[in-house]
Amino acid sequence: MIGIVGIGAAGGNIADLAFENGIDAVALNFSERDLESLDFVEERLTLIGSEGVGKNRDEAINLMVDKNWEMALKFIKENFSTPSTEIIMVCFSAGGGSGGGIGPMLVDLLAQEMEYKAIVAVPILPDTTEALVHQVNALYVTEELSRQNLCVLPIDNEQVKKKNPNAGKARIFKETNETFVNLISSLPKYTDRHSKHGVLDKKDLRTIFSTKGISAISSAEITKLDEGQADISNEGITEVIKKSWENSIFAPLEMQTIPKAGIIYEGPLDLFTIDSAQLFSSFKGGEPTHLFEGTYEGDHAKVTTILSGMPYYSTRLNIIEEKIEAQQKVKEELATIETGYESKLKLPKASHKKPLPRNKKKAISSILDKYQNR
């Protein structure tokens, strides 16, 4: 039901893990070496024009417009046009060059050319320690996505880093990717199951992910299996679910309005009780306009929630903007520092050197051309 399109190195890694876990996935990248590093995903498209664009999203955009957009669109259509794929999630690094450059453009094209599918943008926000260029690219990406009529599911590396402040980037990326894929792979399994107590079907899931605005997914364990304990009061379950929202891998929620939501419960039927008014009381707008629920019997109690249609993550974006402003101020101060050097000592004058023969001098024009045409 769900297909994954991975753009660039970050998106490609998610696509690779998704395919390993049984989700249809494809990968696109300017770098053929990055594509060759993937282990599982079979359908790969090398974009032409460059072996890689570094963090230069403008170069990626220009190459996409000039040489690649038709080929990329055809590639995705060939892999995901079948009715079995109803939701296409496009994953990319918001701070990267390839993903940050062509990600917003590609979801815009897909929304127009594959309007019978639910197109979901999955930008990956940089954590606060990443370089200035990543932060700036993330702001551009967010602006471009916010102008489109689509669902955005923003992964936030900072959320994982907060829980593991000393973790290296490789560990953060690995944990983030695995959590995302586990959440996504669990959703279609519920839509295929039967239940006498209410199901969340494919149409419900597609409706949730067709809603414009910010989305988030979280999973909460109600029972502590190792201790055999559970707080099954309405207040206890509500608190656990809200905590899962705070600790999710997605950008922190703006608790304003929530047009649509899904609640999936799996576990002993006598454990689950929930008051939706209390659960969504943290939102200023109260309960969602549309609430889709599925209840499935299982061995242990777990609640998965899907929220959609929320406002953009302005609190998180403010942190990015503050980081950019601080770094720009430092750069301005450094620009005033004299980079030359003159010794305070009275050094003997250097002996006069004869000019090199004319044929050994570099042509000035060739040096100027190298920088003018780079």
Protein backbone atom coordinates (compact mmCIF):
# COMPACT_ATOMS: atom_id res chain seq x y z
CA MET A 1 0.00 0.00 0.00
CA ILE A 2 2.90 2.35 0.75
CA GLY A 3 5.81 2.99 -1.60
CA ILE A 4 9.05 4.75 -0.68
CA VAL A 5 11.05 7.04 -2.97
CA GLY A 6 14.51 7.79 -1.58
CA ILE A 7 16.38 10.82 -2.92
CA GLY A 8 20.07 11.41 -2.28
CA ALA A 9 22.16 9.56 0.28
CA ALA A 10 19.79 9.98 3.24
CA GLY A 11 16.67 9.08 1.29
CA GLY A 12 18.46 6.18 -0.37
CA ASN A 13 19.36 4.67 3.00
CA ILE A 14 15.71 4.79 4.08
CA ALA A 15 14.61 3.24 0.78
CA ASP A 16 17.19 0.47 1.21
CA LEU A 17 16.01 -0.36 4.73
CA ALA A 18 12.36 -0.16 3.68
CA PHE A 19 12.91 -2.62 0.84
CA GLU A 20 14.72 -4.97 3.22
CA ASN A 21 11.60 -4.89 5.41
CA GLY A 22 9.20 -5.71 2.60
CA ILE A 23 8.15 -2.21 1.50
CA ASP A 24 8.29 -1.34 -2.20
CA ALA A 25 11.04 1.25 -2.61
CA VAL A 26 13.20 2.97 -5.23
CA ALA A 27 16.25 5.24 -4.98
CA LEU A 28 17.40 8.25 -7.02
CA ASN A 29 20.72 10.03 -6.77
CA PHE A 30 23.24 12.02 -8.77
CA SER A 31 25.98 9.94 -7.16
CA GLU A 32 26.31 6.50 -8.68
CA ARG A 33 28.69 5.52 -5.88
CA ASP A 34 26.03 6.26 -3.27
CA LEU A 35 23.55 4.12 -5.17
CA GLU A 36 26.07 1.28 -5.44
CA SER A 37 26.51 1.35 -1.65
CA LEU A 38 22.88 0.30 -1.13
CA ASP A 39 22.41 -3.37 -0.31
CA PHE A 40 18.78 -4.25 -0.92
CA VAL A 41 16.75 -1.80 -3.02
CA GLU A 42 16.72 -3.02 -6.61
CA GLU A 43 15.24 -0.14 -8.59
CA ARG A 44 17.80 2.68 -8.75
CA LEU A 45 18.05 5.72 -11.01
CA THR A 46 21.29 7.61 -11.54
CA LEU A 47 20.47 11.23 -12.34
CA ILE A 48 22.69 12.73 -15.02
CA GLY A 49 24.84 15.82 -15.08
CA SER A 50 27.07 15.34 -12.05
CA GLU A 51 28.55 12.62 -9.87
CA GLY A 52 27.28 14.61 -6.89
CA VAL A 53 26.27 18.15 -5.99
CA GLY A 54 27.72 18.35 -2.48
CA LYS A 55 25.37 20.58 -0.52
CA ASN A 56 24.63 22.84 -3.47
CA ARG A 57 20.87 22.61 -3.86
CA ASP A 58 20.85 25.24 -6.63
CA GLU A 59 23.01 22.99 -8.79
CA ALA A 60 20.68 20.06 -8.10
CA ILE A 61 17.65 22.16 -9.06
CA ASN A 62 19.24 23.32 -12.31
CA LEU A 63 20.28 19.80 -13.27
CA MET A 64 16.82 18.50 -12.45
CA VAL A 65 15.12 21.12 -14.61
CA ASP A 66 17.55 20.85 -17.52
CA LYS A 67 18.13 17.09 -17.73
CA ASN A 68 16.34 14.90 -15.24
CA TRP A 69 12.75 15.72 -14.31
CA GLU A 70 11.08 13.75 -17.11
CA MET A 71 13.30 10.72 -16.55
CA ALA A 72 12.72 10.79 -12.77
CA LEU A 73 8.96 11.14 -13.15
CA LYS A 74 8.81 8.25 -15.64
CA PHE A 75 10.93 6.09 -13.34
CA ILE A 76 8.61 6.59 -10.36
CA LYS A 77 5.47 6.10 -12.44
CA GLU A 78 6.80 2.81 -13.80
CA ASN A 79 7.34 1.51 -10.27
CA PHE A 80 4.30 2.86 -8.43
CA SER A 81 1.43 3.23 -10.90
CA THR A 82 -0.24 -0.03 -9.86
CA PRO A 83 -3.41 0.28 -7.74
CA SER A 84 -1.73 -1.63 -4.89
CA THR A 85 0.40 1.46 -4.13
CA GLU A 86 -1.93 4.12 -2.76
CA ILE A 87 0.53 6.25 -0.78
CA ILE A 88 3.95 7.38 -2.04
CA MET A 89 6.37 8.75 0.55
CA VAL A 90 9.28 10.77 -0.83
CA CYS A 91 12.19 10.77 1.63
CA PHE A 92 15.11 13.19 1.43
CA SER A 93 17.49 15.23 3.54
CA ALA A 94 16.18 18.78 3.90
CA GLY A 95 19.73 19.93 4.57
CA GLY A 96 21.30 18.11 1.65
CA GLY A 97 22.07 19.20 -1.88
CA SER A 98 20.43 16.47 -3.98
CA GLY A 99 17.50 15.80 -1.68
CA GLY A 100 17.02 19.36 -0.51
CA GLY A 101 17.21 20.62 -4.08
CA ILE A 102 14.97 18.23 -5.98
CA GLY A 103 12.81 16.82 -3.16
CA PRO A 104 10.22 19.64 -3.06
CA MET A 105 10.18 19.85 -6.86
CA LEU A 106 9.62 16.13 -7.27
CA VAL A 107 6.73 15.89 -4.80
CA ASP A 108 5.15 18.86 -6.58
CA LEU A 109 5.42 17.06 -9.92
CA LEU A 110 4.12 13.78 -8.47
CA ALA A 111 1.12 15.48 -6.88
CA GLN A 112 0.17 16.83 -10.30
CA GLU A 113 1.01 13.80 -12.44
CA MET A 114 -0.16 11.09 -10.00
CA GLU A 115 -3.14 12.82 -8.41
CA TYR A 116 -4.81 9.46 -7.82
CA LYS A 117 -2.11 8.72 -5.20
CA ALA A 118 -1.52 10.30 -1.80
CA ILE A 119 1.89 11.98 -2.06
CA VAL A 120 3.70 12.53 1.23
CA ALA A 121 6.91 14.55 1.58
CA VAL A 122 9.31 13.17 4.21
CA PRO A 123 12.05 15.78 4.71
CA ILE A 124 14.78 14.95 7.23
CA LEU A 125 15.69 17.99 9.33
CA PRO A 126 19.33 18.44 10.40
CA ASP A 127 20.20 18.40 14.08
CA THR A 128 21.44 21.64 15.62
CA THR A 129 25.12 20.63 15.44
CA GLU A 130 25.14 20.26 11.67
CA ALA A 131 26.79 22.89 9.46
CA LEU A 132 25.26 26.22 8.48
CA VAL A 133 24.59 25.14 4.90
CA HIS A 134 22.37 22.28 6.15
CA GLN A 135 20.31 24.68 8.26
CA VAL A 136 19.87 27.17 5.41
CA ASN A 137 18.85 24.42 2.97
CA ALA A 138 16.29 23.16 5.50
CA LEU A 139 14.61 26.56 5.64
CA TYR A 140 14.40 26.77 1.84
CA VAL A 141 12.91 23.27 1.70
CA THR A 142 10.31 24.07 4.34
CA GLU A 143 9.24 27.24 2.55
CA GLU A 144 8.83 25.36 -0.72
CA LEU A 145 6.87 22.51 0.84
CA SER A 146 4.57 24.88 2.74
CA ARG A 147 3.37 26.36 -0.57
CA GLN A 148 2.16 22.96 -1.75
CA ASN A 149 -1.12 21.22 -1.04
CA LEU A 150 0.31 18.05 0.47
CA CYS A 151 1.00 16.10 3.64
CA VAL A 152 4.47 16.58 5.15
CA LEU A 153 5.92 14.03 7.58
CA PRO A 154 9.10 15.74 8.87
CA ILE A 155 11.72 13.48 10.46
CA ASP A 156 13.86 15.45 12.92
CA ASN A 157 17.36 14.19 13.73
CA GLU A 158 17.42 16.56 16.68
CA GLN A 159 14.69 14.54 18.39
CA VAL A 160 16.88 11.44 18.42
CA LYS A 161 19.99 13.42 19.36
CA LYS A 162 18.22 14.86 22.41
CA LYS A 163 17.73 11.34 23.73
CA ASN A 164 21.33 10.36 22.89
CA PRO A 165 23.36 13.60 23.21
CA ASN A 166 26.73 11.82 22.94
CA ALA A 167 25.79 9.65 20.00
CA GLY A 168 27.61 10.04 16.71
CA LYS A 169 25.81 10.87 13.48
CA ALA A 170 25.93 7.28 12.21
CA ARG A 171 24.08 6.04 15.28
CA ILE A 172 21.52 8.85 15.10
CA PHE A 173 20.82 8.19 11.43
CA LYS A 174 20.57 4.44 12.01
CA GLU A 175 18.12 4.77 14.90
CA THR A 176 16.03 7.36 13.07
CA ASN A 177 15.80 5.27 9.90
CA GLU A 178 14.95 2.07 11.74
CA THR A 179 12.23 3.75 13.81
CA PHE A 180 10.69 5.35 10.72
CA VAL A 181 10.66 2.12 8.71
CA ASN A 182 9.23 0.13 11.62
CA LEU A 183 6.38 2.61 11.99
CA ILE A 184 5.61 2.75 8.27
CA SER A 185 5.79 -1.03 7.78
CA SER A 186 3.31 -1.62 10.62
CA LEU A 187 0.51 0.51 9.15
CA PRO A 188 -0.49 -1.62 6.10
CA LYS A 189 -0.54 -4.72 8.31
CA TYR A 190 -3.41 -3.22 10.30
CA THR A 191 -5.40 -2.25 7.22
CA ASP A 192 -5.26 -5.89 6.05
CA ARG A 193 -6.52 -7.32 9.35
CA HIS A 194 -10.11 -8.06 10.35
CA SER A 195 -11.61 -7.06 13.66
CA LYS A 196 -15.08 -7.16 15.20
CA HIS A 197 -14.26 -4.05 17.17
CA GLY A 198 -13.47 -1.59 14.39
CA VAL A 199 -10.78 -1.39 11.72
CA LEU A 200 -8.66 1.36 10.27
CA ASP A 201 -8.85 0.49 6.57
CA LYS A 202 -6.85 1.56 3.54
CA LYS A 203 -9.23 4.36 2.66
CA ASP A 204 -8.91 5.77 6.19
CA LEU A 205 -5.10 5.66 6.02
CA ARG A 206 -5.05 7.31 2.62
CA THR A 207 -7.43 10.03 3.85
CA ILE A 208 -5.13 10.80 6.77
CA PHE A 209 -2.07 11.08 4.54
CA SER A 210 -3.92 13.15 1.95
CA THR A 211 -4.45 16.01 4.40
CA LYS A 212 -2.43 19.18 3.84
CA GLY A 213 -0.12 20.12 6.69
CA ILE A 214 2.23 18.46 9.13
CA SER A 215 1.85 14.82 10.11
CA ALA A 216 3.41 12.63 12.79
CA ILE A 217 3.32 8.96 13.77
CA SER A 218 4.10 7.48 17.16
CA SER A 219 3.80 4.18 18.98
CA ALA A 220 3.23 3.75 22.72
CA GLU A 221 3.57 0.58 24.78
CA ILE A 222 0.89 0.54 27.47
CA THR A 223 2.04 -2.58 29.29
CA LYS A 224 5.43 -3.08 30.88
CA LEU A 225 5.92 -6.66 29.83
CA ASP A 226 9.06 -7.24 31.87
CA GLU A 227 7.24 -6.28 35.08
CA GLY A 228 3.78 -7.43 34.10
CA GLN A 229 2.41 -4.02 35.03
CA ALA A 230 0.16 -1.59 33.25
CA ASP A 231 -1.58 1.66 34.09
CA ILE A 232 -4.86 0.99 32.33
CA SER A 233 -6.72 3.99 33.63
CA ASN A 234 -7.86 6.53 31.06
CA GLU A 235 -5.45 9.07 32.54
CA GLY A 236 -2.56 6.60 32.46
CA ILE A 237 -3.08 5.62 28.84
CA THR A 238 -3.57 9.25 27.80
CA GLU A 239 -0.29 10.22 29.46
CA VAL A 240 1.63 7.41 27.75
CA ILE A 241 0.29 8.41 24.32
CA LYS A 242 1.10 12.09 24.82
CA LYS A 243 4.59 11.13 25.92
CA SER A 244 5.02 9.17 22.68
CA TRP A 245 4.22 12.35 20.76
CA GLU A 246 6.93 14.24 22.61
CA ASN A 247 9.53 11.51 22.12
CA SER A 248 8.79 10.69 18.48
CA ILE A 249 11.38 11.01 15.70
CA PHE A 250 9.30 13.71 14.03
CA ALA A 251 9.47 17.48 14.45
CA PRO A 252 7.93 18.76 17.71
CA LEU A 253 4.20 19.36 17.38
CA GLU A 254 2.56 22.76 17.33
CA MET A 255 -0.42 22.15 19.61
CA GLN A 256 -2.93 24.23 17.69
CA THR A 257 -5.39 22.29 15.55
CA ILE A 258 -5.53 18.72 14.31
CA PRO A 259 -8.03 18.09 11.48
CA LYS A 260 -7.49 14.32 11.17
CA ALA A 261 -6.09 11.57 13.34
CA GLY A 262 -5.94 7.80 13.54
CA ILE A 263 -5.74 5.68 16.69
CA ILE A 264 -4.79 2.01 16.36
CA TYR A 265 -4.93 -0.23 19.41
CA GLU A 266 -3.56 -3.75 19.52
CA GLY A 267 -3.70 -5.83 22.70
CA PRO A 268 -6.03 -7.36 25.28
CA LEU A 269 -9.44 -5.83 24.71
CA ASP A 270 -10.14 -5.30 28.41
CA LEU A 271 -7.10 -3.04 28.80
CA PHE A 272 -7.95 -0.29 26.36
CA THR A 273 -10.02 2.69 27.35
CA ILE A 274 -9.50 6.16 25.94
CA ASP A 275 -11.29 9.48 26.16
CA SER A 276 -10.48 11.28 22.90
CA ALA A 277 -11.50 14.65 24.36
CA GLN A 278 -8.94 14.22 27.11
CA LEU A 279 -6.31 12.84 24.77
CA PHE A 280 -6.49 15.84 22.45
CA SER A 281 -7.07 18.42 25.19
CA SER A 282 -3.51 19.72 24.68
CA PHE A 283 -4.53 21.03 21.26
CA LYS A 284 -6.12 24.47 21.35
CA GLY A 285 -8.67 23.33 18.78
CA GLY A 286 -9.56 20.25 20.81
CA GLU A 287 -10.48 16.94 19.19
CA PRO A 288 -9.80 16.28 15.50
CA THR A 289 -12.60 16.84 13.01
CA HIS A 290 -12.14 13.30 11.73
CA LEU A 291 -10.96 10.49 14.00
CA PHE A 292 -10.31 7.04 12.53
CA GLU A 293 -9.98 4.11 14.93
CA GLY A 294 -8.92 0.48 14.69
CA THR A 295 -9.02 -2.03 17.56
CA TYR A 296 -7.27 -5.38 17.23
CA GLU A 297 -6.85 -8.16 19.75
CA GLY A 298 -3.27 -9.09 20.60
CA ASP A 299 -0.92 -10.32 23.31
CA HIS A 300 0.33 -6.99 24.61
CA ALA A 301 -1.08 -3.48 24.58
CA LYS A 302 0.26 -0.96 22.08
CA VAL A 303 -1.27 2.22 20.68
CA THR A 304 -0.17 3.75 17.37
CA THR A 305 -1.34 7.27 16.61
CA ILE A 306 -1.23 9.13 13.29
CA LEU A 307 -1.82 12.88 13.38
CA SER A 308 -2.23 15.01 10.25
CA GLY A 309 -3.13 18.48 9.04
CA MET A 310 -1.25 20.27 11.81
CA PRO A 311 0.50 23.67 11.45
CA TYR A 312 4.14 23.82 10.43
CA TYR A 313 6.81 23.26 13.08
CA SER A 314 7.51 26.96 13.76
CA THR A 315 9.13 26.37 17.16
CA ARG A 316 11.68 24.04 15.57
CA LEU A 317 12.21 26.43 12.65
CA ASN A 318 12.86 29.29 15.07
CA ILE A 319 15.75 27.27 16.52
CA ILE A 320 17.19 26.82 13.03
CA GLU A 321 16.83 30.53 12.29
CA GLU A 322 18.54 31.48 15.56
CA LYS A 323 21.45 29.16 14.75
CA ILE A 324 21.82 30.69 11.28
CA GLU A 325 21.74 34.25 12.67
CA ALA A 326 24.34 33.39 15.31
CA GLN A 327 26.69 31.83 12.77
CA GLN A 328 26.22 34.70 10.33
CA LYS A 329 27.18 37.15 13.09
CA VAL A 330 30.35 35.17 13.79
CA LYS A 331 31.23 35.15 10.10
CA GLU A 332 30.75 38.92 9.92
CA GLU A 333 33.07 39.41 12.90
CA LEU A 334 35.69 37.10 11.40
CA ALA A 335 35.54 39.06 8.15
CA THR A 336 36.90 42.14 9.97
CA ILE A 337 40.00 40.31 11.20
CA GLU A 338 43.18 41.17 9.33
CA THR A 339 44.29 38.02 7.55
CA GLY A 340 47.69 39.35 6.51
CA TYR A 341 50.79 39.42 8.67
CA GLU A 342 53.61 41.92 9.13
CA SER A 343 56.41 41.15 11.57
CA LYS A 344 57.23 43.68 14.29
CA LEU A 345 60.90 42.74 13.98
CA LYS A 346 63.30 44.63 11.74
CA LEU A 347 64.01 41.89 9.28
CA PRO A 348 66.63 42.23 6.56
CA LYS A 349 65.13 43.13 3.25
CA ALA A 350 64.60 40.28 0.89
CA SER A 351 66.99 40.13 -2.01
CA HIS A 352 65.57 41.29 -5.30
CA LYS A 353 64.45 38.41 -7.48
CA LYS A 354 64.68 38.56 -11.22
CA PRO A 355 61.35 38.12 -12.95
CA LEU A 356 60.70 34.71 -14.44
CA PRO A 357 61.04 34.43 -18.16
CA ARG A 358 57.78 35.31 -19.84
CA ASN A 359 57.15 31.77 -21.07
CA LYS A 360 57.28 30.46 -17.47
CA LYS A 361 54.66 32.83 -16.10
CA LYS A 362 51.10 31.66 -15.82
CA ALA A 363 48.74 33.57 -18.02
CA ILE A 364 46.63 35.80 -15.77
CA SER A 365 43.65 35.32 -18.02
CA SER A 366 43.68 31.56 -17.46
CA ILE A 367 43.59 32.07 -13.69
CA LEU A 368 40.72 34.55 -13.94
CA ASP A 369 38.79 32.26 -16.26
CA LYS A 370 39.09 29.39 -13.79
CA TYR A 371 37.18 31.32 -11.15
CA GLN A 372 34.80 33.14 -13.46
CA ASN A 373 33.58 29.95 -15.10
CA ARG A 374 33.52 27.63 -12.07
